[in-house]
Amino acid sequence: MNNLLIAISIIGGLAVFIYGMNLMSDGIQKTAGDRMEKLLGFFTANPLVGVLSGALVAAVLQSSGAVTLMAVGFVGAGLMKLPQAIGVIMGANIGATVTAQLIAFQLGDYAWLFVIIGFIMFFGFKKIEIVHNLGQALFGFGLLFVSMNVMSNAMVEVVKSNYLAHLMVQIQQWPVMGAFLGALCTFIVQSSTAGIALLQTVASTAGASGTTGIVGLSTSISLIFGFNIGTTILAMLATRKMSVNAQRAALFHCVFNILATLIFIWFIPQIAHLITAISPTGPEVDVISRQIANTHLLFNVFATLIFLPFTGLFVKLVTLILPGEDASKQRSETMFIDGKALHQPVFAIHLATQELMRMGGFALDMVQKSKDAFIEDDMELIDEVMELENAINQVEGKTVQYLAAILATDTATESQIRRLSGLLHIAADIEHIGDYCKNLAEFAQEKNKNKYDFSDRAMAEICDFFNQGIWIAHDALAALEKGDESLAKDVLVQEVQMNHTEERLRKEHMKRLYDSQCSPAFTVIYNDVIHNIEKIGDCCTNIAEAVLNDLGLLQEEFPEETPVPKS
């Protein structure tokens, strides 16, 4: 085999490995589905719980880099504090070692069996989602070992190279060189997991003796240190244009792995002795893949145990290195959505929901301000309502584009697609609430300009109806945030009550006209005000129905005959 074919085989094997890893990760993530979303709550717990949740998510995603970028994004968006992110990042390092452990089982002889079974399940059962997703994961898993076999065959010729043998001797003598080459390799292939897999392949390829290879355990340990450092460089580069807190989280990842390397690099012989003692025995080429996997795991576990108690000091250190505060964002800018999360729909949907909650907060503020503008004749509030309405329009457009982009990735499960559809409708309904509040602010301006003097009774009715609108908007947004079934159902009941209230208010206004207690000139604006408040209730009902649909609970009907308490 000539040098060109060897290079093609190694590069092609790496390409298939990375593709298989992504395919497997995507399949596992789809199978886990919304269960992964429960882990998001643990992300914002204390650092120790963050370590556990970070490890679990990284094990599912098969990537510490993806989880690190997610934690960094959450810090930048204000969803997570820096100490919690530090715990998640430490845990992600541990979770990412799972792939190396799987590879160490040396299932290469069964690679095509996994591919065949996975292919049948993946392509033959598209209508059965759970089987289809498991098939995708199994198909990707098989491709991992197919790629390992391809690279292993190519490595038979590579290990004969005198240059490579000389390089390995140099690395053994100078571990810092191994750490540097490991970091460089990770930077080139954009994956520390792929670097570890390549190392396992090279180390497991027998040399002339048939029992040993040219890459020993000591050399492998220094390369592993470098792989861990290399993955932090990718996160640092990805945060260049992000908030200062996001940059601090990425900087911690880099500082953490560099400090761990600087400590452990002095104890490579002792580490090698420990790994040899806890790993299977046998010829070196037969057991070194397991030894590499164990080294990768124990290095990250020990580093986490050593540094976790000093989380507070790390926060102070990265803050000292990167001082300053983030500039406050304009209302019309998005705060939570992050394009890097698009291919992890659980996280992307969570971020989009947070952005909608922010929009909802604007809308709720608009209802209150439009009420105060109308009832108190506070004209300064009208400008604030108009500014908020413009902000909602801007954020709604960007959020809808983001939700559509999640759908376009084709990585969402059926339940996630249903949720995305509901979020698209919710975005539109929140924007409509803003429109109705804008109308109400304009009515307040008209009332003040024309000096309309409503009766005390009429103003009291409008004030009470405004309060109903504020309350139903509050409950609808709370139901969205918490996924609360009882709140969502209560919103539906409140909307029916608002319909009845609107009808009653119209009748009472007509009675006042008949009794000459109110001017006919006020009729149009009075009816317009109560109608727009009622439309806010309609939008809140749509939000509540989207929540119930997402929970699979939209079965009950709430007819107009629902009893209404007497006022």
Protein backbone atom coordinates (compact mmCIF):
# COMPACT_ATOMS: atom_id res chain seq x y z
CA MET A 1 0.00 0.00 0.00
CA ASN A 2 1.59 3.30 -1.07
CA ASN A 3 1.70 6.42 1.07
CA LEU A 4 -1.18 8.10 -0.76
CA LEU A 5 -3.54 5.18 -0.16
CA ILE A 6 -2.49 5.02 3.48
CA ALA A 7 -3.27 8.72 3.94
CA ILE A 8 -6.60 8.33 2.15
CA SER A 9 -7.52 5.36 4.34
CA ILE A 10 -6.66 7.16 7.58
CA ILE A 11 -8.39 10.42 6.63
CA GLY A 12 -11.39 8.56 5.21
CA GLY A 13 -11.58 6.40 8.33
CA LEU A 14 -11.56 9.50 10.52
CA ALA A 15 -14.31 11.04 8.39
CA VAL A 16 -16.49 7.93 8.74
CA PHE A 17 -15.72 7.82 12.47
CA ILE A 18 -16.86 11.42 13.01
CA TYR A 19 -19.95 10.85 10.86
CA GLY A 20 -20.81 7.66 12.73
CA MET A 21 -20.30 9.39 16.07
CA ASN A 22 -22.63 12.24 15.08
CA LEU A 23 -25.18 9.76 13.72
CA MET A 24 -25.08 7.72 16.92
CA SER A 25 -25.31 10.85 19.07
CA ASP A 26 -28.29 12.12 17.10
CA GLY A 27 -30.05 8.76 17.36
CA ILE A 28 -29.46 8.50 21.12
CA GLN A 29 -30.62 12.07 21.60
CA LYS A 30 -33.83 11.43 19.65
CA THR A 31 -34.45 8.23 21.63
CA ALA A 32 -33.93 10.07 24.91
CA GLY A 33 -36.17 12.85 23.56
CA ASP A 34 -37.71 15.15 26.13
CA ARG A 35 -36.16 13.17 28.99
CA MET A 36 -32.99 15.15 28.36
CA GLU A 37 -34.88 18.36 29.02
CA LYS A 38 -35.24 17.34 32.67
CA LEU A 39 -31.46 17.52 32.95
CA LEU A 40 -31.58 21.22 32.10
CA GLY A 41 -33.04 21.91 35.53
CA PHE A 42 -29.99 20.29 37.12
CA PHE A 43 -27.67 22.49 35.05
CA THR A 44 -28.62 25.46 37.20
CA ALA A 45 -28.29 23.59 40.50
CA ASN A 46 -25.09 23.57 42.56
CA PRO A 47 -21.75 22.76 40.86
CA LEU A 48 -21.70 19.14 42.09
CA VAL A 49 -25.10 18.40 40.54
CA GLY A 50 -23.89 20.29 37.47
CA VAL A 51 -21.00 17.83 37.19
CA LEU A 52 -23.40 14.87 37.16
CA SER A 53 -25.81 16.41 34.66
CA GLY A 54 -22.93 17.59 32.44
CA ALA A 55 -21.50 14.07 32.42
CA LEU A 56 -24.85 12.51 31.52
CA VAL A 57 -25.57 14.93 28.67
CA ALA A 58 -22.03 14.64 27.28
CA ALA A 59 -22.37 10.84 27.34
CA VAL A 60 -25.57 11.12 25.29
CA LEU A 61 -24.20 13.71 22.87
CA GLN A 62 -20.82 11.93 22.68
CA SER A 63 -19.13 15.32 22.82
CA SER A 64 -17.73 17.41 25.64
CA GLY A 65 -17.35 20.30 23.19
CA ALA A 66 -21.09 20.42 22.45
CA VAL A 67 -22.01 20.47 26.14
CA THR A 68 -19.30 23.02 26.92
CA LEU A 69 -20.58 25.34 24.20
CA MET A 70 -24.10 24.80 25.54
CA ALA A 71 -23.02 25.75 29.07
CA VAL A 72 -21.11 28.74 27.71
CA GLY A 73 -24.21 29.81 25.77
CA PHE A 74 -26.41 29.45 28.85
CA VAL A 75 -24.01 31.64 30.84
CA GLY A 76 -24.02 34.24 28.09
CA ALA A 77 -27.81 34.22 28.02
CA GLY A 78 -28.09 34.59 31.78
CA LEU A 79 -29.73 31.17 32.24
CA MET A 80 -26.81 29.86 34.27
CA LYS A 81 -24.32 31.38 36.67
CA LEU A 82 -20.60 30.91 36.13
CA PRO A 83 -20.11 28.54 39.15
CA GLN A 84 -22.83 26.22 37.82
CA ALA A 85 -21.28 26.31 34.34
CA ILE A 86 -17.93 25.30 35.80
CA GLY A 87 -19.52 22.18 37.26
CA VAL A 88 -21.23 21.31 33.98
CA ILE A 89 -17.97 21.75 32.02
CA MET A 90 -16.09 19.48 34.43
CA GLY A 91 -18.83 16.88 34.08
CA ALA A 92 -18.77 17.15 30.30
CA ASN A 93 -15.10 16.15 30.31
CA ILE A 94 -16.02 12.99 32.20
CA GLY A 95 -19.05 12.13 30.05
CA ALA A 96 -17.06 12.42 26.83
CA THR A 97 -14.89 9.46 27.87
CA VAL A 98 -17.73 7.02 27.18
CA THR A 99 -16.87 6.69 23.48
CA ALA A 100 -13.29 5.65 24.24
CA GLN A 101 -14.63 3.02 26.65
CA LEU A 102 -16.96 1.65 23.95
CA ILE A 103 -14.13 1.50 21.41
CA ALA A 104 -11.92 -0.33 23.91
CA PHE A 105 -14.30 -3.31 23.86
CA GLN A 106 -12.78 -4.16 20.47
CA LEU A 107 -16.02 -5.06 18.75
CA GLY A 108 -14.48 -4.60 15.31
CA ASP A 109 -15.28 -8.19 14.28
CA TYR A 110 -18.99 -7.40 14.70
CA ALA A 111 -18.88 -3.99 13.02
CA TRP A 112 -20.83 -5.00 9.93
CA LEU A 113 -23.41 -6.83 12.05
CA PHE A 114 -24.17 -3.58 13.89
CA VAL A 115 -24.29 -1.74 10.57
CA ILE A 116 -26.70 -4.25 9.00
CA ILE A 117 -29.07 -4.40 11.98
CA GLY A 118 -28.93 -0.63 12.43
CA PHE A 119 -29.50 -0.05 8.70
CA ILE A 120 -32.60 -2.26 8.68
CA MET A 121 -34.05 -0.52 11.75
CA PHE A 122 -33.06 2.98 10.57
CA PHE A 123 -34.30 2.78 7.00
CA GLY A 124 -36.95 0.06 7.30
CA PHE A 125 -38.98 1.38 10.23
CA LYS A 126 -39.30 5.11 9.55
CA LYS A 127 -42.91 5.12 10.73
CA ILE A 128 -42.04 3.59 14.12
CA GLU A 129 -40.12 6.44 15.68
CA ILE A 130 -38.49 4.60 18.60
CA VAL A 131 -37.23 1.76 16.37
CA HIS A 132 -36.08 4.25 13.72
CA ASN A 133 -34.12 6.30 16.26
CA LEU A 134 -32.55 3.26 17.91
CA GLY A 135 -31.61 2.01 14.45
CA GLN A 136 -29.89 5.31 13.71
CA ALA A 137 -27.86 5.04 16.92
CA LEU A 138 -26.94 1.43 16.20
CA PHE A 139 -26.05 2.21 12.57
CA GLY A 140 -23.73 5.01 13.75
CA PHE A 141 -22.27 2.72 16.40
CA GLY A 142 -21.43 0.15 13.73
CA LEU A 143 -19.81 2.81 11.55
CA LEU A 144 -17.48 3.66 14.44
CA PHE A 145 -15.99 0.19 14.32
CA VAL A 146 -15.99 0.01 10.52
CA SER A 147 -13.89 3.18 10.53
CA MET A 148 -11.63 1.75 13.22
CA ASN A 149 -11.05 -1.35 11.10
CA VAL A 150 -10.18 0.80 8.06
CA MET A 151 -7.73 2.91 10.06
CA SER A 152 -6.25 -0.17 11.75
CA ASN A 153 -5.46 -1.79 8.39
CA ALA A 154 -3.75 1.39 7.24
CA MET A 155 -1.78 1.65 10.48
CA VAL A 156 -0.06 -1.69 9.83
CA GLU A 157 2.10 0.15 7.29
CA VAL A 158 2.39 3.34 9.35
CA VAL A 159 3.93 1.59 12.37
CA LYS A 160 6.82 0.47 10.13
CA SER A 161 7.84 4.10 9.65
CA ASN A 162 11.16 4.92 11.31
CA TYR A 163 10.11 8.57 11.53
CA LEU A 164 6.99 7.74 13.55
CA ALA A 165 8.96 5.43 15.84
CA HIS A 166 11.51 8.20 16.42
CA LEU A 167 8.72 10.70 17.14
CA MET A 168 7.20 8.38 19.76
CA VAL A 169 10.57 8.06 21.47
CA GLN A 170 10.88 11.85 21.57
CA ILE A 171 7.38 12.18 23.06
CA GLN A 172 8.20 9.62 25.75
CA GLN A 173 11.29 11.64 26.67
CA TRP A 174 9.52 14.98 26.41
CA PRO A 175 5.85 14.60 27.48
CA VAL A 176 5.22 18.30 26.82
CA MET A 177 5.75 17.54 23.12
CA GLY A 178 3.05 14.86 23.33
CA ALA A 179 0.63 17.30 24.97
CA PHE A 180 1.32 19.84 22.23
CA LEU A 181 0.81 17.30 19.42
CA GLY A 182 -2.40 16.04 21.07
CA ALA A 183 -3.79 19.57 21.25
CA LEU A 184 -2.81 20.19 17.61
CA CYS A 185 -4.48 16.95 16.49
CA THR A 186 -7.73 17.88 18.28
CA PHE A 187 -7.67 21.32 16.72
CA ILE A 188 -7.24 19.83 13.23
CA VAL A 189 -9.93 17.13 13.44
CA GLN A 190 -12.23 19.34 15.61
CA SER A 191 -12.90 16.47 18.00
CA SER A 192 -10.95 15.14 20.99
CA THR A 193 -12.98 11.91 20.78
CA ALA A 194 -11.74 11.32 17.23
CA GLY A 195 -8.18 11.99 18.43
CA ILE A 196 -8.52 9.43 21.21
CA ALA A 197 -9.95 6.90 18.75
CA LEU A 198 -7.02 7.43 16.37
CA LEU A 199 -4.60 6.98 19.28
CA GLN A 200 -6.33 3.75 20.31
CA THR A 201 -6.02 2.49 16.74
CA VAL A 202 -2.32 3.32 16.42
CA ALA A 203 -1.46 1.97 19.86
CA SER A 204 -3.33 -1.30 19.21
CA THR A 205 -1.45 -1.96 15.96
CA ALA A 206 1.32 -4.48 16.56
CA GLY A 207 4.88 -3.74 15.54
CA ALA A 208 7.54 -6.18 14.42
CA SER A 209 7.34 -8.16 17.67
CA GLY A 210 3.64 -8.85 17.24
CA THR A 211 2.89 -8.09 20.90
CA THR A 212 3.92 -4.46 21.29
CA GLY A 213 3.31 -1.31 19.28
CA ILE A 214 5.31 1.85 18.78
CA VAL A 215 2.99 3.86 21.03
CA GLY A 216 3.31 2.81 24.66
CA LEU A 217 1.09 3.75 27.58
CA SER A 218 3.37 6.54 28.85
CA THR A 219 3.41 8.19 25.42
CA SER A 220 -0.37 7.81 25.16
CA ILE A 221 -0.90 9.54 28.51
CA SER A 222 0.88 12.73 27.39
CA LEU A 223 -1.11 12.73 24.13
CA ILE A 224 -4.36 12.37 26.10
CA PHE A 225 -3.43 15.47 28.10
CA GLY A 226 -3.07 17.32 24.80
CA PHE A 227 -6.42 16.08 23.46
CA ASN A 228 -8.13 17.56 26.52
CA ILE A 229 -6.39 20.90 26.02
CA GLY A 230 -7.17 20.97 22.29
CA THR A 231 -10.92 20.73 22.79
CA THR A 232 -10.82 23.87 24.97
CA ILE A 233 -9.23 25.87 22.16
CA LEU A 234 -12.28 25.21 19.98
CA ALA A 235 -14.59 26.57 22.72
CA MET A 236 -12.39 29.64 23.20
CA LEU A 237 -12.55 30.44 19.48
CA ALA A 238 -16.33 29.93 19.42
CA THR A 239 -16.87 32.54 22.16
CA ARG A 240 -14.86 35.39 20.67
CA LYS A 241 -17.99 37.43 19.87
CA MET A 242 -20.05 36.28 22.85
CA SER A 243 -20.62 38.00 26.19
CA VAL A 244 -17.79 38.43 28.68
CA ASN A 245 -19.38 35.86 31.02
CA ALA A 246 -19.54 33.33 28.18
CA GLN A 247 -15.87 34.00 27.45
CA ARG A 248 -15.05 33.46 31.13
CA ALA A 249 -16.75 30.05 31.06
CA ALA A 250 -14.74 29.02 28.00
CA LEU A 251 -11.55 30.41 29.58
CA PHE A 252 -12.20 28.31 32.69
CA HIS A 253 -12.37 25.18 30.52
CA CYS A 254 -8.98 26.04 29.05
CA VAL A 255 -7.39 26.95 32.41
CA PHE A 256 -8.85 23.83 34.05
CA ASN A 257 -7.38 21.40 31.51
CA ILE A 258 -4.03 23.18 31.30
CA LEU A 259 -3.63 23.23 35.10
CA ALA A 260 -4.64 19.56 35.30
CA THR A 261 -2.03 18.71 32.66
CA LEU A 262 0.67 20.75 34.42
CA ILE A 263 -0.01 18.80 37.61
CA PHE A 264 -0.38 15.29 36.22
CA ILE A 265 2.38 15.47 33.62
CA TRP A 266 4.95 15.10 36.43
CA PHE A 267 3.40 11.80 37.50
CA ILE A 268 3.14 9.94 34.20
CA PRO A 269 5.12 6.85 35.44
CA GLN A 270 2.88 6.60 38.53
CA ILE A 271 -0.26 7.08 36.41
CA ALA A 272 0.92 4.37 34.00
CA HIS A 273 1.51 2.02 36.93
CA LEU A 274 -1.99 2.68 38.32
CA ILE A 275 -3.66 2.22 34.93
CA THR A 276 -1.77 -1.04 34.34
CA ALA A 277 -2.91 -2.31 37.74
CA ILE A 278 -6.61 -1.62 37.17
CA SER A 279 -6.77 -2.66 33.49
CA PRO A 280 -6.91 -6.16 31.96
CA THR A 281 -3.62 -8.04 31.63
CA GLY A 282 -2.14 -9.48 28.45
CA PRO A 283 0.01 -8.49 25.47
CA GLU A 284 0.31 -4.73 25.21
CA VAL A 285 -1.44 -4.38 21.85
CA ASP A 286 -4.42 -6.32 23.21
CA VAL A 287 -4.94 -4.24 26.34
CA ILE A 288 -3.61 -0.77 25.54
CA SER A 289 -6.88 0.43 24.04
CA ARG A 290 -8.56 -0.32 27.38
CA GLN A 291 -5.67 1.36 29.20
CA ILE A 292 -6.04 4.51 27.08
CA ALA A 293 -9.78 4.62 27.76
CA ASN A 294 -9.19 4.19 31.50
CA THR A 295 -6.52 6.90 31.48
CA HIS A 296 -8.89 9.29 29.73
CA LEU A 297 -11.61 8.57 32.30
CA LEU A 298 -9.48 8.70 35.44
CA PHE A 299 -7.63 11.85 34.37
CA ASN A 300 -10.91 13.74 34.06
CA VAL A 301 -12.42 12.26 37.22
CA PHE A 302 -9.35 13.03 39.35
CA ALA A 303 -9.00 16.53 37.89
CA THR A 304 -12.66 17.23 38.74
CA LEU A 305 -12.29 15.91 42.29
CA ILE A 306 -9.21 18.07 42.84
CA PHE A 307 -10.55 21.31 41.38
CA LEU A 308 -14.29 21.22 42.17
CA PRO A 309 -13.81 22.48 45.77
CA PHE A 310 -12.03 25.54 44.34
CA THR A 311 -14.88 26.63 42.06
CA GLY A 312 -15.08 30.01 43.79
CA LEU A 313 -11.37 30.66 43.23
CA PHE A 314 -11.73 29.78 39.54
CA VAL A 315 -14.57 32.29 39.23
CA LYS A 316 -12.35 35.00 40.74
CA LEU A 317 -9.42 34.00 38.52
CA VAL A 318 -11.28 34.13 35.19
CA THR A 319 -12.99 37.36 36.27
CA LEU A 320 -9.57 38.83 37.02
CA ILE A 321 -8.24 37.74 33.62
CA LEU A 322 -11.36 38.96 31.79
CA PRO A 323 -12.64 41.99 33.74
CA GLY A 324 -15.58 44.18 32.83
CA GLU A 325 -19.32 43.84 32.42
CA ASP A 326 -21.49 43.03 29.42
CA ALA A 327 -23.18 45.93 27.74
CA SER A 328 -26.94 45.72 28.24
CA LYS A 329 -28.74 44.49 25.16
CA GLN A 330 -31.39 46.50 23.43
CA ARG A 331 -34.91 45.24 23.93
CA SER A 332 -35.21 44.51 20.21
CA GLU A 333 -32.22 42.13 20.31
CA THR A 334 -32.58 38.44 21.15
CA MET A 335 -31.02 37.37 24.42
CA PHE A 336 -31.30 33.58 24.59
CA ILE A 337 -31.36 31.94 21.16
CA ASP A 338 -28.03 30.52 20.02
CA GLY A 339 -27.30 29.17 16.55
CA LYS A 340 -24.74 26.70 17.94
CA ALA A 341 -27.55 24.79 19.65
CA LEU A 342 -29.61 24.17 16.51
CA HIS A 343 -28.53 20.54 16.12
CA GLN A 344 -29.41 19.73 19.74
CA PRO A 345 -33.18 20.38 19.61
CA VAL A 346 -33.75 19.82 23.33
CA PHE A 347 -31.43 22.70 24.14
CA ALA A 348 -32.51 24.85 21.19
CA ILE A 349 -36.20 24.51 22.09
CA HIS A 350 -35.40 25.39 25.70
CA LEU A 351 -33.59 28.55 24.57
CA ALA A 352 -36.40 29.51 22.18
CA THR A 353 -38.94 29.06 24.99
CA GLN A 354 -36.90 31.39 27.16
CA GLU A 355 -36.90 33.98 24.38
CA LEU A 356 -40.69 33.68 24.10
CA MET A 357 -40.99 34.13 27.86
CA ARG A 358 -38.96 37.32 27.51
CA MET A 359 -41.36 38.47 24.77
CA GLY A 360 -44.26 37.53 27.02
CA GLY A 361 -42.79 39.69 29.78
CA PHE A 362 -42.82 42.63 27.37
CA ALA A 363 -46.44 41.88 26.46
CA LEU A 364 -47.53 41.63 30.10
CA ASP A 365 -45.82 44.94 30.81
CA MET A 366 -47.66 46.45 27.84
CA VAL A 367 -51.07 45.36 29.18
CA GLN A 368 -50.32 47.03 32.52
CA LYS A 369 -48.97 50.21 30.92
CA SER A 370 -51.85 50.51 28.45
CA LYS A 371 -54.26 50.19 31.40
CA ASP A 372 -52.46 52.92 33.35
CA ALA A 373 -52.34 55.14 30.27
CA PHE A 374 -56.11 54.79 29.76
CA ILE A 375 -57.25 54.95 33.38
CA GLU A 376 -54.76 57.53 34.69
CA ASP A 377 -54.31 59.54 31.45
CA ASP A 378 -50.54 58.99 31.73
CA MET A 379 -49.39 59.96 28.24
CA GLU A 380 -45.71 59.13 28.88
CA LEU A 381 -46.66 55.46 29.13
CA ILE A 382 -47.99 55.51 25.55
CA ASP A 383 -44.46 55.99 24.18
CA GLU A 384 -43.24 53.09 26.33
CA VAL A 385 -46.02 50.86 24.99
CA MET A 386 -45.03 51.74 21.43
CA GLU A 387 -41.36 50.96 22.13
CA LEU A 388 -42.26 47.61 23.66
CA GLU A 389 -44.50 46.77 20.71
CA ASN A 390 -41.61 47.44 18.33
CA ALA A 391 -39.29 45.27 20.47
CA ILE A 392 -41.80 42.40 20.42
CA ASN A 393 -42.07 42.61 16.63
CA GLN A 394 -38.28 42.49 16.24
CA VAL A 395 -37.71 39.63 18.67
CA GLU A 396 -40.71 37.68 17.33
CA GLY A 397 -39.32 37.76 13.79
CA LYS A 398 -35.89 36.49 14.88
CA THR A 399 -37.37 33.83 17.15
CA VAL A 400 -39.67 32.49 14.44
CA GLN A 401 -36.67 32.24 12.10
CA TYR A 402 -34.81 30.33 14.81
CA LEU A 403 -37.71 27.91 15.38
CA ALA A 404 -37.92 27.32 11.62
CA ALA A 405 -34.16 26.69 11.54
CA ILE A 406 -34.54 23.99 14.23
CA LEU A 407 -37.16 22.27 12.09
CA ALA A 408 -34.90 22.55 9.02
CA THR A 409 -32.11 20.57 10.74
CA ASP A 410 -34.31 17.45 10.63
CA THR A 411 -33.05 16.37 14.05
CA ALA A 412 -36.25 16.85 16.05
CA THR A 413 -38.51 14.01 17.18
CA GLU A 414 -42.26 13.99 16.53
CA SER A 415 -43.00 15.34 20.01
CA GLN A 416 -40.40 18.07 19.52
CA ILE A 417 -41.90 18.96 16.14
CA ARG A 418 -45.29 19.29 17.84
CA ARG A 419 -43.74 21.57 20.44
CA LEU A 420 -42.00 23.66 17.78
CA SER A 421 -45.32 24.08 15.99
CA GLY A 422 -46.91 25.22 19.25
CA LEU A 423 -44.08 27.68 19.91
CA LEU A 424 -44.52 29.19 16.45
CA HIS A 425 -48.20 29.82 17.24
CA ILE A 426 -47.32 31.18 20.69
CA ALA A 427 -44.85 33.64 19.13
CA ALA A 428 -47.63 34.93 16.87
CA ASP A 429 -50.09 35.21 19.77
CA ILE A 430 -47.66 37.16 21.95
CA GLU A 431 -47.05 39.50 19.01
CA HIS A 432 -50.84 39.92 18.65
CA ILE A 433 -51.14 40.83 22.34
CA GLY A 434 -48.61 43.57 21.62
CA ASP A 435 -50.76 44.79 18.74
CA TYR A 436 -53.89 44.95 20.91
CA CYS A 437 -52.00 46.84 23.60
CA LYS A 438 -50.80 49.30 20.97
CA ASN A 439 -54.45 49.82 20.00
CA LEU A 440 -55.37 50.39 23.64
CA ALA A 441 -52.59 52.95 24.02
CA GLU A 442 -53.89 54.77 20.95
CA PHE A 443 -57.42 54.76 22.45
CA ALA A 444 -55.94 56.28 25.61
CA GLN A 445 -54.35 59.00 23.48
CA GLU A 446 -57.66 59.62 21.71
CA LYS A 447 -59.54 59.75 25.04
CA ASN A 448 -57.09 62.32 26.42
CA LYS A 449 -57.02 64.39 23.22
CA ASN A 450 -60.82 64.61 22.94
CA LYS A 451 -61.33 65.02 26.68
CA TYR A 452 -63.76 62.10 26.88
CA ASP A 453 -65.27 62.10 30.37
CA PHE A 454 -66.51 58.58 31.05
CA SER A 455 -68.83 57.99 33.97
CA ASP A 456 -67.29 56.59 37.13
CA ARG A 457 -69.18 53.35 36.54
CA ALA A 458 -67.84 52.99 33.00
CA MET A 459 -64.24 53.65 34.10
CA ALA A 460 -64.60 51.15 36.93
CA GLU A 461 -65.83 48.50 34.48
CA ILE A 462 -62.95 49.15 32.08
CA CYS A 463 -60.44 49.05 34.95
CA ASP A 464 -61.81 45.70 36.19
CA PHE A 465 -61.75 44.29 32.67
CA PHE A 466 -58.14 45.43 32.24
CA ASN A 467 -57.30 43.58 35.46
CA GLN A 468 -58.87 40.43 34.02
CA GLY A 469 -56.66 40.86 30.96
CA ILE A 470 -53.54 41.28 33.11
CA TRP A 471 -54.40 38.24 35.19
CA ILE A 472 -55.10 35.93 32.25
CA ALA A 473 -51.87 37.05 30.52
CA HIS A 474 -49.92 36.38 33.69
CA ASP A 475 -51.38 32.87 34.05
CA ALA A 476 -50.91 31.99 30.38
CA LEU A 477 -47.23 32.91 30.51
CA ALA A 478 -46.77 31.07 33.82
CA ALA A 479 -48.38 27.97 32.26
CA LEU A 480 -45.94 28.23 29.34
CA GLU A 481 -42.92 28.63 31.59
CA LYS A 482 -43.80 25.76 33.94
CA GLY A 483 -45.73 23.49 31.56
CA ASP A 484 -48.50 23.69 34.17
CA GLU A 485 -51.65 21.77 33.21
CA SER A 486 -53.90 23.28 35.88
CA LEU A 487 -52.88 26.85 35.07
CA ALA A 488 -53.41 26.28 31.35
CA LYS A 489 -56.90 24.90 31.96
CA ASP A 490 -57.71 27.79 34.27
CA VAL A 491 -56.75 30.20 31.47
CA LEU A 492 -59.37 28.56 29.24
CA VAL A 493 -61.99 29.08 31.93
CA GLN A 494 -60.92 32.69 32.44
CA GLU A 495 -61.27 33.39 28.72
CA VAL A 496 -64.86 32.11 28.75
CA GLN A 497 -65.53 34.42 31.69
CA MET A 498 -64.02 37.33 29.74
CA ASN A 499 -66.37 36.62 26.83
CA HIS A 500 -69.33 36.79 29.17
CA THR A 501 -67.94 39.94 30.80
CA GLU A 502 -67.57 41.66 27.43
CA GLU A 503 -71.16 40.82 26.57
CA ARG A 504 -72.39 42.09 29.97
CA LEU A 505 -70.41 45.33 29.70
CA ARG A 506 -71.87 46.09 26.28
CA LYS A 507 -75.39 45.62 27.66
CA GLU A 508 -74.73 47.80 30.70
CA HIS A 509 -73.25 50.52 28.52
CA MET A 510 -76.37 50.46 26.35
CA LYS A 511 -78.50 50.78 29.51
CA ARG A 512 -76.49 53.85 30.57
CA LEU A 513 -77.04 55.36 27.14
CA TYR A 514 -80.77 54.72 27.47
CA ASP A 515 -80.75 56.36 30.93
CA SER A 516 -78.68 59.32 29.59
CA GLN A 517 -75.87 58.51 32.03
CA CYS A 518 -73.26 58.33 29.25
CA SER A 519 -72.61 60.27 26.05
CA PRO A 520 -73.22 58.47 22.72
CA ALA A 521 -69.86 59.95 21.56
CA PHE A 522 -68.08 57.57 23.89
CA THR A 523 -69.73 54.41 22.57
CA VAL A 524 -67.25 53.60 19.80
CA ILE A 525 -64.14 53.97 21.93
CA TYR A 526 -65.76 52.13 24.87
CA ASN A 527 -66.64 49.16 22.67
CA ASP A 528 -63.21 49.21 21.03
CA VAL A 529 -61.44 49.16 24.39
CA ILE A 530 -63.35 46.21 25.83
CA HIS A 531 -63.11 44.33 22.51
CA ASN A 532 -59.31 44.66 22.39
CA ILE A 533 -59.02 43.54 26.01
CA GLU A 534 -61.18 40.51 25.16
CA LYS A 535 -58.90 39.73 22.17
CA ILE A 536 -55.96 39.63 24.58
CA GLY A 537 -57.87 36.87 26.37
CA ASP A 538 -58.28 35.01 23.07
CA CYS A 539 -54.51 35.10 22.49
CA CYS A 540 -53.90 33.81 26.02
CA THR A 541 -56.30 30.95 25.33
CA ASN A 542 -54.25 30.02 22.26
CA ILE A 543 -51.10 29.96 24.40
CA ALA A 544 -52.79 27.76 27.00
CA GLU A 545 -54.06 25.38 24.30
CA ALA A 546 -50.53 25.12 22.87
CA VAL A 547 -49.26 24.16 26.34
CA LEU A 548 -51.96 21.53 26.77
CA ASN A 549 -51.34 20.19 23.28
CA ASP A 550 -47.64 19.88 24.08
CA LEU A 551 -48.57 17.93 27.23
CA GLY A 552 -50.97 15.75 25.22
CA LEU A 553 -53.87 17.00 27.33
CA LEU A 554 -55.89 19.09 24.90
CA GLN A 555 -58.99 16.90 25.12
CA GLU A 556 -61.47 18.87 27.18
CA GLU A 557 -63.83 21.39 25.67
CA PHE A 558 -64.66 24.58 27.50
CA PRO A 559 -68.04 25.60 26.04
CA GLU A 560 -69.65 28.97 26.31
CA GLU A 561 -72.13 27.46 28.77
CA THR A 562 -69.42 27.21 31.43
CA PRO A 563 -70.94 28.73 34.58
CA VAL A 564 -69.65 32.22 35.28
CA PRO A 565 -69.50 33.60 38.82
CA LYS A 566 -71.83 36.52 39.38
CA SER A 567 -70.09 39.87 39.71
